[in-house]
Amino acid sequence: MFTAWKREIDFLEALTLCQALDKVPETVIVGVEPADIDTLSIELSPVVLRQVEPVMAMVLSELEHLGVCCQKRSEARVSCNPLEDYPH
């Protein structure tokens, strides 16, 4: 009997697999290392919150480097509902 299973591949595994296949894409990783990984919360910690603007600037700079035009939205609120901006 065949049992289907799902295995998630993390980012490092994906890059390692690409390297093994000799097909490594140009990759830029931007992130913030949290000071505390034990506390569970849906809120950003003060350490991470202070890095939001600098990380956004890094991402925008990288997009500009790739030739992607970005435009700041007049609305500062970002929805947590992925369907909110795309009603059916």
Protein backbone atom coordinates (compact mmCIF):
# COMPACT_ATOMS: atom_id res chain seq x y z
CA MET A 1 0.00 0.00 0.00
CA PHE A 2 1.34 3.44 -0.95
CA THR A 3 1.03 6.17 1.65
CA ALA A 4 1.38 9.72 0.43
CA TRP A 5 3.19 12.11 2.74
CA LYS A 6 4.17 15.72 2.60
CA ARG A 7 7.59 16.95 3.61
CA GLU A 8 8.35 20.63 3.81
CA ILE A 9 11.70 21.75 2.47
CA ASP A 10 13.26 24.72 4.18
CA PHE A 11 15.08 27.45 2.32
CA LEU A 12 18.58 26.15 3.08
CA GLU A 13 17.63 22.66 1.85
CA ALA A 14 16.24 24.17 -1.36
CA LEU A 15 19.46 26.09 -2.01
CA THR A 16 21.55 23.00 -1.23
CA LEU A 17 19.47 20.99 -3.70
CA CYS A 18 19.97 23.69 -6.34
CA GLN A 19 23.71 23.55 -5.70
CA ALA A 20 23.70 19.76 -6.08
CA LEU A 21 21.90 20.18 -9.41
CA ASP A 22 24.35 22.94 -10.39
CA LYS A 23 21.46 25.37 -10.88
CA VAL A 24 21.93 27.93 -8.12
CA PRO A 25 19.87 31.08 -8.75
CA GLU A 26 21.18 34.50 -7.76
CA THR A 27 19.87 34.76 -4.24
CA VAL A 28 19.55 37.61 -1.78
CA ILE A 29 18.34 36.82 1.71
CA VAL A 30 16.99 39.66 3.82
CA GLY A 31 15.80 39.04 7.34
CA VAL A 32 15.93 39.92 10.99
CA GLU A 33 17.26 37.65 13.69
CA PRO A 34 14.95 37.79 16.70
CA ALA A 35 16.51 38.23 20.14
CA ASP A 36 14.02 35.77 21.67
CA ILE A 37 12.68 32.68 19.92
CA ASP A 38 11.00 31.18 22.98
CA THR A 39 8.24 33.73 23.53
CA LEU A 40 5.15 33.12 21.42
CA SER A 41 3.28 36.20 20.24
CA ILE A 42 1.55 37.52 17.15
CA GLU A 43 3.06 40.95 17.86
CA LEU A 44 6.51 41.94 16.67
CA SER A 45 9.07 42.25 19.44
CA PRO A 46 10.65 45.69 19.96
CA VAL A 47 13.92 44.38 18.50
CA VAL A 48 12.23 43.16 15.30
CA LEU A 49 9.92 46.18 15.09
CA ARG A 50 12.94 48.52 15.04
CA GLN A 51 14.24 46.64 11.99
CA VAL A 52 11.09 46.88 9.84
CA GLU A 53 12.03 50.17 8.16
CA PRO A 54 15.69 49.22 7.50
CA VAL A 55 14.64 45.84 6.08
CA MET A 56 12.03 47.49 3.86
CA ALA A 57 14.73 49.85 2.60
CA MET A 58 17.00 46.86 1.83
CA VAL A 59 14.22 45.07 -0.07
CA LEU A 60 13.33 48.20 -2.05
CA SER A 61 16.99 48.75 -2.87
CA GLU A 62 17.32 45.17 -4.11
CA LEU A 63 14.16 45.50 -6.20
CA GLU A 64 15.49 48.73 -7.70
CA HIS A 65 18.76 46.93 -8.48
CA LEU A 66 16.69 44.33 -10.36
CA GLY A 67 14.88 47.04 -12.32
CA VAL A 68 11.55 46.74 -10.51
CA CYS A 69 9.65 49.99 -10.00
CA CYS A 70 8.00 50.36 -6.61
CA GLN A 71 5.52 52.96 -5.51
CA LYS A 72 4.55 53.76 -1.94
CA ARG A 73 0.86 53.31 -1.29
CA SER A 74 -1.05 56.23 0.13
CA GLU A 75 -2.73 53.86 2.59
CA ALA A 76 -0.39 52.75 5.37
CA ARG A 77 -2.61 49.90 6.58
CA VAL A 78 -1.78 46.40 5.38
CA SER A 79 -4.56 43.85 5.52
CA CYS A 80 -4.07 40.45 7.12
CA ASN A 81 -6.90 39.17 4.89
CA PRO A 82 -5.45 38.13 1.53
CA LEU A 83 -8.89 38.34 -0.09
CA GLU A 84 -9.72 41.83 1.15
CA ASP A 85 -8.15 43.59 -1.82
CA TYR A 86 -9.54 41.02 -4.28
CA PRO A 87 -13.29 40.66 -3.74
CA HIS A 88 -14.95 37.87 -5.70
